[in-house]
Amino acid sequence: MRDLEQQQQRALLDNIPDMAWLKDRDSRYLAVNSAYLSIIGLREDEVIGKTPYDIWPSDLADIYMQTDRAVVKSGRRRRYEESRSDPDGRVLWFETIKSPIRDNNGHIIGTVGISRDISERKAAADELIHSRAQLRELSSFLQSVREEEQARISRELHDELGQTLTALKIELIWLRERLASQDVLQARVDRLVSIVDRSVTDLRRIAVNLRPMILDELGLVAAMKWLTQNSAELGGLDISLSFDKENVSYDSAVSTAAFRIVQEALTNVMRHGKAKRASVVVSHEGKELHIEITDNGRGIDQGAPQLNKLGLVGMRERARALGGAVVISDNPQGGTIVSVRLPLNDPALQDKLPS
């Protein structure tokens, strides 16, 4: 009968494709299957009756003994991931489950374990993480290139085309003065001057949208003041802005990210939030720049498909590229709170700069 039970036990274990074993309360091996022996490169008689210290390196044996004791003491199953080398020296990853074995009286008399090779799954997960990291790096690079290109185009529009339109207006005004006695021609010149004026206004708007020169020339504080004032006028909103420090400047990456995130947040408030009031609070905590944008609008449904269509993904990626974060949450008073955290690295934050 005893031999039959052992044969049945052996058949059961060997039909398990993963590493499987039985141990007594003292972590001595009572049975192991073929998959286990194949992984460790030993015969069955070299394992049965032995403890992990007789088979595994001491660091692994310590872990196995500790987890065995924890299962015996708690009477509960344990699941964990571990790495170990096969006989050829390859590092493999395993998901291991250990459970208590009880006798007919419910007393724990040992443990049973199963360990599944998850090396391929682990490698795929690592590759996915690596790919995502590469995509983020590429996204950050492309974003930087785009900002530089937009800044270049903005400068050219302002400096070259802007000067050309200004010169054209001066010439038209000169011509109008000399056509004072010719009402028809003077009226046409007046229309041309109006067209030039509208073109200059449109040009300035396009240049500012591409890259506000105030951000590069006067810094983030001045640019934020301009942005909130402009957004308030365009959206018919009451927007407040506060800084805990104003005589500071930031490196270009932080300034650009902070400005664009606030710009996108306020754009969402104007277009989708149906808000009447908003606030932007800028503060410093340690070596981090914190920005909180709140509004009293309808808020954002975190589960809605539109969440990623409102520029929110771009906001998060801008912050993440610098090692920061953007968190969007409901405002208890109604509306939305956008919390931004951007790390400041010396000498990105400087104390004495033009205000």
Protein backbone atom coordinates (compact mmCIF):
# COMPACT_ATOMS: atom_id res chain seq x y z
CA MET A 1 0.00 0.00 0.00
CA ARG A 2 2.81 2.39 0.92
CA ASP A 3 4.56 1.69 -2.40
CA LEU A 4 1.29 2.32 -4.26
CA GLU A 5 0.85 5.68 -2.53
CA GLN A 6 4.40 6.66 -3.42
CA GLN A 7 3.87 5.61 -7.05
CA GLN A 8 0.66 7.65 -7.21
CA GLN A 9 2.45 10.58 -5.63
CA ARG A 10 5.29 10.26 -8.11
CA ALA A 11 2.87 10.05 -11.06
CA LEU A 12 1.02 13.11 -9.80
CA LEU A 13 4.19 15.17 -9.35
CA ASP A 14 5.69 14.14 -12.69
CA ASN A 15 2.51 15.18 -14.51
CA ILE A 16 3.07 18.72 -13.28
CA PRO A 17 5.13 20.55 -15.94
CA ASP A 18 6.49 23.02 -13.39
CA MET A 19 8.97 22.35 -10.62
CA ALA A 20 7.10 20.67 -7.73
CA TRP A 21 8.16 19.27 -4.35
CA LEU A 22 7.05 18.15 -0.92
CA LYS A 23 8.90 18.96 2.32
CA ASP A 24 8.44 18.11 5.98
CA ARG A 25 8.22 20.74 8.74
CA ASP A 26 12.01 20.95 8.87
CA SER A 27 12.27 21.69 5.13
CA ARG A 28 13.66 18.25 4.27
CA TYR A 29 12.64 17.13 0.80
CA LEU A 30 10.16 14.25 0.78
CA ALA A 31 9.52 14.19 -2.97
CA VAL A 32 10.44 16.15 -6.09
CA ASN A 33 9.28 15.82 -9.68
CA SER A 34 11.26 15.39 -12.90
CA ALA A 35 11.01 19.08 -13.80
CA TYR A 36 12.64 19.98 -10.47
CA LEU A 37 15.50 17.53 -11.00
CA SER A 38 16.00 18.78 -14.55
CA ILE A 39 16.38 22.38 -13.38
CA ILE A 40 18.83 21.67 -10.55
CA GLY A 41 20.77 18.99 -12.44
CA LEU A 42 20.69 16.38 -9.63
CA ARG A 43 19.34 12.85 -9.19
CA GLU A 44 16.40 12.14 -6.93
CA ASP A 45 18.53 10.27 -4.37
CA GLU A 46 20.74 13.37 -4.11
CA VAL A 47 17.75 15.47 -3.06
CA ILE A 48 15.40 13.35 -0.92
CA GLY A 49 16.05 13.83 2.79
CA LYS A 50 18.19 16.89 2.17
CA THR A 51 17.46 20.51 3.09
CA PRO A 52 17.87 23.57 0.83
CA TYR A 53 21.33 24.15 2.38
CA ASP A 54 22.48 20.83 0.91
CA ILE A 55 21.37 21.78 -2.59
CA TRP A 56 21.29 25.52 -3.11
CA PRO A 57 23.75 28.38 -2.51
CA SER A 58 23.46 29.71 1.02
CA ASP A 59 21.75 32.98 0.00
CA LEU A 60 18.98 31.09 -1.81
CA ALA A 61 18.80 28.46 0.92
CA ASP A 62 18.24 31.21 3.50
CA ILE A 63 15.30 32.52 1.50
CA TYR A 64 13.79 29.04 1.01
CA MET A 65 14.09 28.19 4.68
CA GLN A 66 12.55 31.53 5.69
CA THR A 67 9.57 31.13 3.36
CA ASP A 68 9.07 27.50 4.45
CA ARG A 69 8.99 28.57 8.10
CA ALA A 70 6.63 31.45 7.31
CA VAL A 71 4.18 29.06 5.62
CA VAL A 72 4.36 26.57 8.52
CA LYS A 73 3.94 29.33 11.11
CA SER A 74 1.12 31.22 9.40
CA GLY A 75 -0.66 28.25 7.85
CA ARG A 76 -1.20 30.36 4.73
CA ARG A 77 -0.05 30.10 1.16
CA ARG A 78 2.76 32.38 -0.04
CA ARG A 79 3.46 33.56 -3.58
CA TYR A 80 6.61 35.34 -4.71
CA GLU A 81 8.97 35.78 -7.65
CA GLU A 82 12.62 34.78 -7.52
CA SER A 83 15.64 34.43 -9.77
CA ARG A 84 18.14 31.59 -9.80
CA SER A 85 20.64 30.03 -12.17
CA ASP A 86 20.27 26.74 -14.00
CA PRO A 87 23.15 24.23 -14.35
CA ASP A 88 24.38 26.12 -17.44
CA GLY A 89 24.63 29.39 -15.52
CA ARG A 90 21.64 31.06 -17.16
CA VAL A 91 19.63 33.30 -14.85
CA LEU A 92 16.00 32.22 -14.82
CA TRP A 93 12.97 33.80 -13.18
CA PHE A 94 10.35 31.76 -11.35
CA GLU A 95 6.97 32.37 -9.77
CA THR A 96 6.84 30.20 -6.66
CA ILE A 97 3.82 29.17 -4.60
CA LYS A 98 4.19 27.40 -1.26
CA SER A 99 1.26 25.99 0.74
CA PRO A 100 0.98 24.11 4.04
CA ILE A 101 0.29 20.34 4.19
CA ARG A 102 -2.04 19.24 6.99
CA ASP A 103 -2.73 15.82 8.48
CA ASN A 104 -6.18 14.43 9.24
CA ASN A 105 -6.25 16.41 12.48
CA GLY A 106 -5.45 19.69 10.74
CA HIS A 107 -1.90 19.89 12.03
CA ILE A 108 0.70 21.26 9.62
CA ILE A 109 3.18 18.52 8.81
CA GLY A 110 5.05 20.09 5.91
CA THR A 111 4.81 22.20 2.77
CA VAL A 112 4.13 21.69 -0.91
CA GLY A 113 5.61 23.97 -3.53
CA ILE A 114 5.30 24.68 -7.23
CA SER A 115 7.69 26.93 -9.12
CA ARG A 116 6.92 28.07 -12.68
CA ASP A 117 9.53 29.38 -15.09
CA ILE A 118 8.42 32.90 -16.04
CA SER A 119 11.69 33.94 -17.67
CA GLU A 120 10.09 34.60 -21.06
CA ARG A 121 7.26 36.57 -19.49
CA LYS A 122 9.75 38.52 -17.41
CA ALA A 123 11.92 39.21 -20.45
CA ALA A 124 8.87 40.38 -22.40
CA ALA A 125 7.85 42.66 -19.52
CA ASP A 126 11.38 44.07 -19.29
CA GLU A 127 11.42 44.63 -23.04
CA LEU A 128 8.08 46.40 -22.82
CA ILE A 129 9.38 48.65 -20.05
CA HIS A 130 12.51 49.35 -22.11
CA SER A 131 10.43 50.10 -25.20
CA ARG A 132 8.21 52.47 -23.26
CA ALA A 133 11.27 54.22 -21.87
CA GLN A 134 12.65 54.60 -25.39
CA LEU A 135 9.32 55.94 -26.64
CA ARG A 136 9.26 58.47 -23.82
CA GLU A 137 12.81 59.54 -24.66
CA LEU A 138 11.83 59.89 -28.31
CA SER A 139 8.68 61.80 -27.39
CA SER A 140 10.70 64.13 -25.17
CA PHE A 141 13.27 64.66 -27.93
CA LEU A 142 10.61 65.36 -30.56
CA GLN A 143 8.85 67.72 -28.17
CA SER A 144 12.11 69.59 -27.60
CA VAL A 145 12.78 69.76 -31.34
CA ARG A 146 9.25 71.03 -31.94
CA GLU A 147 9.62 73.74 -29.30
CA GLU A 148 12.94 74.85 -30.81
CA GLU A 149 11.45 74.90 -34.31
CA GLN A 150 8.39 76.81 -33.15
CA ALA A 151 10.64 79.31 -31.36
CA ARG A 152 12.69 79.79 -34.55
CA ILE A 153 9.58 80.28 -36.71
CA SER A 154 8.10 82.65 -34.12
CA ARG A 155 11.26 84.78 -34.13
CA GLU A 156 11.38 84.88 -37.92
CA LEU A 157 7.71 85.86 -38.14
CA HIS A 158 8.20 88.58 -35.56
CA ASP A 159 11.55 89.90 -36.77
CA GLU A 160 11.34 89.54 -40.53
CA LEU A 161 7.71 89.44 -41.61
CA GLY A 162 6.73 91.79 -38.80
CA GLN A 163 9.28 94.36 -39.93
CA THR A 164 8.14 93.98 -43.54
CA LEU A 165 4.52 94.66 -42.61
CA THR A 166 5.54 97.62 -40.48
CA ALA A 167 7.54 99.06 -43.38
CA LEU A 168 4.59 98.49 -45.70
CA LYS A 169 2.29 100.36 -43.33
CA ILE A 170 4.70 103.30 -43.15
CA GLU A 171 4.82 103.50 -46.94
CA LEU A 172 1.02 103.33 -47.18
CA ILE A 173 0.63 106.12 -44.65
CA TRP A 174 3.13 108.20 -46.64
CA LEU A 175 1.13 107.51 -49.80
CA ARG A 176 -2.16 108.39 -48.08
CA GLU A 177 -0.82 111.77 -47.02
CA ARG A 178 0.04 112.59 -50.61
CA LEU A 179 -3.39 111.55 -51.86
CA ALA A 180 -5.26 113.91 -49.58
CA SER A 181 -7.07 115.47 -52.54
CA GLN A 182 -8.03 112.15 -54.13
CA ASP A 183 -10.79 110.68 -51.98
CA VAL A 184 -11.21 107.43 -53.92
CA LEU A 185 -7.54 106.53 -53.84
CA GLN A 186 -7.20 107.63 -50.22
CA ALA A 187 -10.09 105.35 -49.22
CA ARG A 188 -8.36 102.44 -50.90
CA VAL A 189 -5.13 103.20 -49.10
CA ASP A 190 -7.05 103.37 -45.81
CA ARG A 191 -8.41 99.87 -46.49
CA LEU A 192 -4.91 98.65 -47.24
CA VAL A 193 -3.64 100.13 -43.97
CA SER A 194 -6.46 98.34 -42.13
CA ILE A 195 -5.53 95.07 -43.83
CA VAL A 196 -1.91 95.53 -42.80
CA ASP A 197 -2.98 96.29 -39.21
CA ARG A 198 -5.07 93.10 -39.09
CA SER A 199 -2.19 91.16 -40.59
CA VAL A 200 0.19 92.48 -37.93
CA THR A 201 -2.30 91.50 -35.21
CA ASP A 202 -2.73 88.01 -36.70
CA LEU A 203 1.02 87.66 -37.10
CA ARG A 204 1.61 88.53 -33.46
CA ARG A 205 -1.06 86.06 -32.37
CA ILE A 206 0.43 83.27 -34.48
CA ALA A 207 3.95 84.03 -33.27
CA VAL A 208 2.85 84.06 -29.63
CA ASN A 209 0.99 80.77 -30.03
CA LEU A 210 4.07 79.21 -31.57
CA ARG A 211 6.36 80.43 -28.79
CA PRO A 212 5.70 83.48 -26.61
CA MET A 213 8.84 85.61 -26.76
CA ILE A 214 8.16 86.82 -23.23
CA LEU A 215 8.97 83.31 -21.96
CA ASP A 216 12.48 83.48 -23.41
CA GLU A 217 13.09 87.17 -22.76
CA LEU A 218 11.56 87.72 -19.29
CA GLY A 219 11.13 84.20 -17.93
CA LEU A 220 8.38 81.99 -16.56
CA VAL A 221 6.92 84.40 -14.00
CA ALA A 222 6.28 87.14 -16.57
CA ALA A 223 5.04 84.59 -19.12
CA MET A 224 2.58 83.13 -16.61
CA LYS A 225 1.24 86.61 -15.82
CA TRP A 226 0.74 87.26 -19.52
CA LEU A 227 -0.84 83.83 -20.06
CA THR A 228 -3.38 84.11 -17.25
CA GLN A 229 -4.33 87.66 -18.22
CA ASN A 230 -4.70 86.71 -21.89
CA SER A 231 -6.70 83.56 -21.04
CA ALA A 232 -8.98 85.57 -18.76
CA GLU A 233 -9.70 88.05 -21.56
CA LEU A 234 -10.26 85.37 -24.20
CA GLY A 235 -12.36 83.08 -22.03
CA GLY A 236 -14.25 85.66 -20.03
CA LEU A 237 -12.90 84.12 -16.83
CA ASP A 238 -11.75 85.42 -13.50
CA ILE A 239 -8.26 83.90 -13.21
CA SER A 240 -6.02 84.53 -10.21
CA LEU A 241 -2.28 83.86 -10.19
CA SER A 242 0.04 83.66 -7.19
CA PHE A 243 3.73 82.87 -6.68
CA ASP A 244 5.51 82.16 -3.43
CA LYS A 245 8.67 83.49 -5.13
CA GLU A 246 9.00 85.85 -8.09
CA ASN A 247 12.71 86.69 -8.24
CA VAL A 248 13.58 83.29 -9.63
CA SER A 249 14.33 81.83 -13.02
CA TYR A 250 14.35 78.30 -14.36
CA ASP A 251 16.14 76.42 -17.07
CA SER A 252 14.50 76.30 -20.47
CA ALA A 253 13.13 72.76 -20.10
CA VAL A 254 11.34 73.51 -16.83
CA SER A 255 10.05 76.89 -18.03
CA THR A 256 8.70 75.40 -21.24
CA ALA A 257 7.07 72.42 -19.52
CA ALA A 258 5.48 74.55 -16.80
CA PHE A 259 4.19 77.15 -19.26
CA ARG A 260 2.80 74.60 -21.73
CA ILE A 261 1.11 72.55 -18.98
CA VAL A 262 -0.60 75.61 -17.51
CA GLN A 263 -1.49 76.79 -21.01
CA GLU A 264 -3.12 73.45 -21.83
CA ALA A 265 -4.91 73.31 -18.48
CA LEU A 266 -6.39 76.79 -18.96
CA THR A 267 -7.33 75.96 -22.55
CA ASN A 268 -9.29 72.96 -21.26
CA VAL A 269 -10.97 75.15 -18.65
CA MET A 270 -12.06 77.62 -21.33
CA ARG A 271 -13.14 75.05 -23.92
CA HIS A 272 -14.59 72.22 -21.88
CA GLY A 273 -14.86 73.13 -18.21
CA LYS A 274 -17.71 75.67 -18.37
CA ALA A 275 -16.03 77.47 -15.49
CA LYS A 276 -16.30 81.09 -14.38
CA ARG A 277 -13.29 81.17 -12.10
CA ALA A 278 -9.86 79.57 -12.08
CA SER A 279 -6.69 79.93 -10.08
CA VAL A 280 -3.03 79.15 -10.68
CA VAL A 281 -0.84 78.75 -7.59
CA VAL A 282 2.92 78.36 -8.08
CA SER A 283 5.06 77.27 -5.13
CA HIS A 284 8.39 75.65 -4.31
CA GLU A 285 8.92 72.65 -2.06
CA GLY A 286 12.52 71.57 -1.64
CA LYS A 287 13.94 71.15 -5.12
CA GLU A 288 10.56 70.90 -6.79
CA LEU A 289 8.30 73.38 -8.55
CA HIS A 290 4.65 72.81 -7.69
CA ILE A 291 1.77 74.25 -9.70
CA GLU A 292 -1.91 73.82 -8.90
CA ILE A 293 -4.59 74.87 -11.38
CA THR A 294 -8.15 74.79 -10.06
CA ASP A 295 -11.48 75.79 -11.58
CA ASN A 296 -15.14 75.75 -10.59
CA GLY A 297 -16.38 74.13 -13.79
CA ARG A 298 -18.06 70.80 -14.40
CA GLY A 299 -14.94 68.72 -13.77
CA ILE A 300 -13.53 65.82 -15.74
CA ASP A 301 -14.84 62.26 -15.67
CA GLN A 302 -11.65 60.24 -15.10
CA GLY A 303 -13.19 57.24 -16.85
CA ALA A 304 -14.36 59.12 -19.90
CA PRO A 305 -12.73 58.34 -23.26
CA GLN A 306 -12.22 62.10 -23.82
CA LEU A 307 -9.69 62.21 -20.98
CA ASN A 308 -6.85 61.49 -23.38
CA LYS A 309 -8.24 63.78 -26.08
CA LEU A 310 -7.95 67.03 -24.17
CA GLY A 311 -4.19 67.35 -24.20
CA LEU A 312 -3.95 65.71 -20.79
CA VAL A 313 -1.66 62.98 -22.05
CA GLY A 314 0.67 65.65 -23.42
CA MET A 315 0.65 67.44 -20.08
CA ARG A 316 1.58 64.26 -18.25
CA GLU A 317 4.29 63.36 -20.73
CA ARG A 318 5.88 66.81 -20.48
CA ALA A 319 6.13 66.43 -16.72
CA ARG A 320 7.25 62.80 -16.87
CA ALA A 321 10.05 63.68 -19.30
CA LEU A 322 11.57 65.83 -16.54
CA GLY A 323 10.96 63.28 -13.80
CA GLY A 324 7.82 65.03 -12.60
CA ALA A 325 4.12 64.25 -12.63
CA VAL A 326 0.69 65.67 -13.38
CA VAL A 327 -2.26 64.49 -11.28
CA ILE A 328 -5.83 65.38 -12.22
CA SER A 329 -8.55 65.12 -9.58
CA ASP A 330 -12.01 66.39 -8.73
CA ASN A 331 -12.29 69.64 -6.83
CA PRO A 332 -14.41 69.09 -3.68
CA GLN A 333 -15.97 72.53 -4.31
CA GLY A 334 -16.76 71.54 -7.89
CA GLY A 335 -14.57 71.56 -10.97
CA THR A 336 -11.11 70.15 -11.48
CA ILE A 337 -7.70 70.32 -9.81
CA VAL A 338 -4.57 69.85 -11.91
CA SER A 339 -1.53 69.30 -9.68
CA VAL A 340 1.89 69.61 -11.32
CA ARG A 341 5.23 68.59 -9.84
CA LEU A 342 8.48 69.39 -11.68
CA PRO A 343 11.95 68.70 -10.23
CA LEU A 344 14.42 71.58 -10.12
CA ASN A 345 18.07 70.71 -10.58
CA ASP A 346 20.82 73.15 -9.63
CA PRO A 347 21.57 75.53 -11.20
CA ALA A 348 18.08 75.51 -12.74
CA LEU A 349 16.73 77.50 -9.84
CA GLN A 350 18.64 80.73 -9.27
CA ASP A 351 17.87 83.34 -6.66
CA LYS A 352 18.91 86.75 -8.01
CA LEU A 353 17.45 87.44 -11.41
CA PRO A 354 15.51 90.30 -13.00
CA SER A 355 11.97 90.59 -11.69
